[in-house]
């Protein structure tokens, strides 16, 4: 969802609508999201989808948005252990490492994950965790 807002991709309209509907409600992300966003932006530059200048602008806009609107959750060792446990025990799910960590953080904080990723939604549902699917 954040990447759609930053990169203006096909999910932009749905993500923007969701964000506007949140009003002043607290929005949570983890430090892991900061790394993921930076990684996607860097990949876009390497693939020629963004210039270095565009990447810098997007990174600055994201940092401003983060400071103004987002609250950070610090990952803990127990989050990584929970994520690992799900990855080892739920081999039937299309669960990726980063997604498992997102779900573990959300579970610990009793938060609902918001995503446009249908595979992540399927995993959250199978694990009995709340997830709001956008789009």
C-alpha atoms as a PDB file:
ATOM      1  CA  UNK A   1       0.000   0.000   0.000  1.00  0.00           C
ATOM      2  CA  UNK A   2       2.753   2.476   0.890  1.00  0.00           C
ATOM      3  CA  UNK A   3       4.681   1.578  -2.233  1.00  0.00           C
ATOM      4  CA  UNK A   4       1.600   2.215  -4.373  1.00  0.00           C
ATOM      5  CA  UNK A   5       1.310   5.675  -2.843  1.00  0.00           C
ATOM      6  CA  UNK A   6       5.006   6.416  -3.334  1.00  0.00           C
ATOM      7  CA  UNK A   7       5.415   4.981  -6.818  1.00  0.00           C
ATOM      8  CA  UNK A   8       1.982   5.822  -8.224  1.00  0.00           C
ATOM      9  CA  UNK A   9       1.368   2.285  -9.462  1.00  0.00           C
ATOM     10  CA  UNK A  10      -1.919   0.550 -10.250  1.00  0.00           C
ATOM     11  CA  UNK A  11      -2.877   0.396  -6.571  1.00  0.00           C
ATOM     12  CA  UNK A  12      -2.532   4.134  -5.996  1.00  0.00           C
ATOM     13  CA  UNK A  13      -6.226   5.050  -6.121  1.00  0.00           C
ATOM     14  CA  UNK A  14      -7.329   2.331  -3.696  1.00  0.00           C
ATOM     15  CA  UNK A  15      -4.426   3.094  -1.348  1.00  0.00           C
ATOM     16  CA  UNK A  16      -5.121   6.816  -1.389  1.00  0.00           C
ATOM     17  CA  UNK A  17      -8.817   6.217  -0.685  1.00  0.00           C
ATOM     18  CA  UNK A  18      -7.923   3.957   2.250  1.00  0.00           C
ATOM     19  CA  UNK A  19      -5.475   6.514   3.664  1.00  0.00           C
ATOM     20  CA  UNK A  20      -7.960   9.377   3.412  1.00  0.00           C
ATOM     21  CA  UNK A  21     -10.604   7.268   5.174  1.00  0.00           C
ATOM     22  CA  UNK A  22      -8.260   6.772   8.135  1.00  0.00           C
ATOM     23  CA  UNK A  23      -8.511  10.409   9.139  1.00  0.00           C
ATOM     24  CA  UNK A  24      -6.291  11.069  12.147  1.00  0.00           C
ATOM     25  CA  UNK A  25      -6.142   7.415  13.223  1.00  0.00           C
ATOM     26  CA  UNK A  26      -2.674   6.225  14.235  1.00  0.00           C
ATOM     27  CA  UNK A  27      -0.927   4.286  11.482  1.00  0.00           C
ATOM     28  CA  UNK A  28       1.800   1.836  12.485  1.00  0.00           C
ATOM     29  CA  UNK A  29       4.751   0.512  10.525  1.00  0.00           C
ATOM     30  CA  UNK A  30       7.877  -1.310  11.579  1.00  0.00           C
ATOM     31  CA  UNK A  31      11.477  -0.400  10.975  1.00  0.00           C
ATOM     32  CA  UNK A  32      11.450  -3.381   8.612  1.00  0.00           C
ATOM     33  CA  UNK A  33       9.084  -1.434   6.304  1.00  0.00           C
ATOM     34  CA  UNK A  34      11.654   1.350   6.059  1.00  0.00           C
ATOM     35  CA  UNK A  35      14.177  -1.167   4.772  1.00  0.00           C
ATOM     36  CA  UNK A  36      11.689  -2.724   2.350  1.00  0.00           C
ATOM     37  CA  UNK A  37      10.746   0.654   0.871  1.00  0.00           C
ATOM     38  CA  UNK A  38      14.396   1.618   0.408  1.00  0.00           C
ATOM     39  CA  UNK A  39      15.077  -1.748  -1.224  1.00  0.00           C
ATOM     40  CA  UNK A  40      12.220  -1.430  -3.711  1.00  0.00           C
ATOM     41  CA  UNK A  41      13.241   2.108  -4.642  1.00  0.00           C
ATOM     42  CA  UNK A  42      16.856   0.998  -5.160  1.00  0.00           C
ATOM     43  CA  UNK A  43      15.685  -1.906  -7.328  1.00  0.00           C
ATOM     44  CA  UNK A  44      13.602   0.482  -9.445  1.00  0.00           C
ATOM     45  CA  UNK A  45      16.717   2.612 -10.036  1.00  0.00           C
ATOM     46  CA  UNK A  46      18.819  -0.410 -11.009  1.00  0.00           C
ATOM     47  CA  UNK A  47      16.109  -1.542 -13.447  1.00  0.00           C
ATOM     48  CA  UNK A  48      15.919   1.913 -15.007  1.00  0.00           C
ATOM     49  CA  UNK A  49      12.369   2.524 -13.781  1.00  0.00           C
ATOM     50  CA  UNK A  50      13.458   5.531 -11.712  1.00  0.00           C
ATOM     51  CA  UNK A  51      16.349   7.955 -11.943  1.00  0.00           C
ATOM     52  CA  UNK A  52      18.560   8.551  -8.925  1.00  0.00           C
ATOM     53  CA  UNK A  53      16.973  11.993  -8.586  1.00  0.00           C
ATOM     54  CA  UNK A  54      13.457  10.536  -8.624  1.00  0.00           C
ATOM     55  CA  UNK A  55      14.492   7.956  -6.034  1.00  0.00           C
ATOM     56  CA  UNK A  56      15.881  10.660  -3.790  1.00  0.00           C
ATOM     57  CA  UNK A  57      12.670  12.687  -4.096  1.00  0.00           C
ATOM     58  CA  UNK A  58      10.509   9.650  -3.313  1.00  0.00           C
ATOM     59  CA  UNK A  59      12.718   8.768  -0.358  1.00  0.00           C
ATOM     60  CA  UNK A  60      12.454  12.313   1.001  1.00  0.00           C
ATOM     61  CA  UNK A  61       8.674  12.354   0.537  1.00  0.00           C
ATOM     62  CA  UNK A  62       8.380   9.031   2.326  1.00  0.00           C
ATOM     63  CA  UNK A  63      10.526  10.250   5.231  1.00  0.00           C
ATOM     64  CA  UNK A  64       8.366  13.386   5.574  1.00  0.00           C
ATOM     65  CA  UNK A  65       5.214  11.255   5.480  1.00  0.00           C
ATOM     66  CA  UNK A  66       6.694   8.872   8.041  1.00  0.00           C
ATOM     67  CA  UNK A  67       7.547  11.678  10.435  1.00  0.00           C
ATOM     68  CA  UNK A  68       4.165  13.376  10.035  1.00  0.00           C
ATOM     69  CA  UNK A  69       1.836  10.392   9.923  1.00  0.00           C
ATOM     70  CA  UNK A  70       3.388   7.052  10.875  1.00  0.00           C
ATOM     71  CA  UNK A  71       4.351   5.539  14.212  1.00  0.00           C
ATOM     72  CA  UNK A  72       7.205   3.049  14.270  1.00  0.00           C
ATOM     73  CA  UNK A  73       7.136  -0.361  15.931  1.00  0.00           C
ATOM     74  CA  UNK A  74      10.481  -1.790  16.969  1.00  0.00           C
ATOM     75  CA  UNK A  75      10.883  -5.451  15.940  1.00  0.00           C
ATOM     76  CA  UNK A  76      11.887  -7.735  18.812  1.00  0.00           C
ATOM     77  CA  UNK A  77      13.673 -11.039  18.870  1.00  0.00           C
ATOM     78  CA  UNK A  78      10.386 -12.749  19.700  1.00  0.00           C
ATOM     79  CA  UNK A  79       8.894 -11.377  16.478  1.00  0.00           C
ATOM     80  CA  UNK A  80      11.643 -12.992  14.434  1.00  0.00           C
ATOM     81  CA  UNK A  81      11.182 -16.261  16.344  1.00  0.00           C
ATOM     82  CA  UNK A  82       7.427 -16.235  15.705  1.00  0.00           C
ATOM     83  CA  UNK A  83       7.979 -15.481  12.036  1.00  0.00           C
ATOM     84  CA  UNK A  84      10.483 -18.318  11.804  1.00  0.00           C
ATOM     85  CA  UNK A  85       8.074 -20.700  13.512  1.00  0.00           C
ATOM     86  CA  UNK A  86       5.336 -19.912  10.991  1.00  0.00           C
ATOM     87  CA  UNK A  87       7.742 -20.321   8.072  1.00  0.00           C
ATOM     88  CA  UNK A  88       8.859 -23.720   9.383  1.00  0.00           C
ATOM     89  CA  UNK A  89       5.398 -25.013  10.304  1.00  0.00           C
ATOM     90  CA  UNK A  90       3.185 -23.547   7.596  1.00  0.00           C
ATOM     91  CA  UNK A  91       4.875 -24.895   4.501  1.00  0.00           C
ATOM     92  CA  UNK A  92       1.527 -25.046   2.703  1.00  0.00           C
ATOM     93  CA  UNK A  93       1.233 -21.242   2.806  1.00  0.00           C
ATOM     94  CA  UNK A  94       2.864 -18.801   0.352  1.00  0.00           C
ATOM     95  CA  UNK A  95       4.429 -17.033   3.346  1.00  0.00           C
ATOM     96  CA  UNK A  96       7.571 -14.997   2.686  1.00  0.00           C
ATOM     97  CA  UNK A  97      10.094 -14.061   5.364  1.00  0.00           C
ATOM     98  CA  UNK A  98       9.317 -10.342   5.431  1.00  0.00           C
ATOM     99  CA  UNK A  99       5.584 -10.977   5.450  1.00  0.00           C
ATOM    100  CA  UNK A 100       5.948 -13.415   8.338  1.00  0.00           C
ATOM    101  CA  UNK A 101       7.762 -10.701  10.278  1.00  0.00           C
ATOM    102  CA  UNK A 102       5.018  -8.155   9.496  1.00  0.00           C
ATOM    103  CA  UNK A 103       2.397 -10.585  10.752  1.00  0.00           C
ATOM    104  CA  UNK A 104       4.376 -11.393  13.903  1.00  0.00           C
ATOM    105  CA  UNK A 105       4.754  -7.700  14.746  1.00  0.00           C
ATOM    106  CA  UNK A 106       1.068  -7.090  14.139  1.00  0.00           C
ATOM    107  CA  UNK A 107       0.126 -10.075  16.279  1.00  0.00           C
ATOM    108  CA  UNK A 108       2.271  -8.870  19.197  1.00  0.00           C
ATOM    109  CA  UNK A 109       0.817  -5.355  18.973  1.00  0.00           C
ATOM    110  CA  UNK A 110      -2.734  -6.616  18.291  1.00  0.00           C
ATOM    111  CA  UNK A 111      -2.903  -4.632  15.047  1.00  0.00           C
ATOM    112  CA  UNK A 112      -4.587  -5.297  11.722  1.00  0.00           C
ATOM    113  CA  UNK A 113      -2.245  -5.538   8.744  1.00  0.00           C
ATOM    114  CA  UNK A 114      -3.376  -3.519   5.717  1.00  0.00           C
ATOM    115  CA  UNK A 115      -2.182  -4.733   2.331  1.00  0.00           C
ATOM    116  CA  UNK A 116      -3.104  -5.214  -1.309  1.00  0.00           C
ATOM    117  CA  UNK A 117      -1.169  -8.499  -1.332  1.00  0.00           C
ATOM    118  CA  UNK A 118      -3.629 -11.372  -1.743  1.00  0.00           C
ATOM    119  CA  UNK A 119      -1.028 -14.013  -0.822  1.00  0.00           C
ATOM    120  CA  UNK A 120      -0.337 -12.182   2.438  1.00  0.00           C
ATOM    121  CA  UNK A 121      -4.084 -11.978   3.081  1.00  0.00           C
ATOM    122  CA  UNK A 122      -4.399 -15.735   2.590  1.00  0.00           C
ATOM    123  CA  UNK A 123      -1.556 -16.345   5.036  1.00  0.00           C
ATOM    124  CA  UNK A 124      -3.022 -14.005   7.651  1.00  0.00           C
ATOM    125  CA  UNK A 125      -6.411 -15.695   7.344  1.00  0.00           C
ATOM    126  CA  UNK A 126      -4.870 -19.158   7.719  1.00  0.00           C
ATOM    127  CA  UNK A 127      -2.997 -18.003  10.832  1.00  0.00           C
ATOM    128  CA  UNK A 128      -6.130 -16.431  12.304  1.00  0.00           C
ATOM    129  CA  UNK A 129      -4.747 -12.905  12.103  1.00  0.00           C
ATOM    130  CA  UNK A 130      -6.687  -9.803  11.057  1.00  0.00           C
ATOM    131  CA  UNK A 131      -5.811  -8.303   7.684  1.00  0.00           C
ATOM    132  CA  UNK A 132      -7.598  -5.656   5.664  1.00  0.00           C
ATOM    133  CA  UNK A 133      -7.227  -6.258   1.943  1.00  0.00           C
ATOM    134  CA  UNK A 134      -7.158  -3.139  -0.228  1.00  0.00           C
ATOM    135  CA  UNK A 135      -8.150  -3.226  -3.879  1.00  0.00           C
END
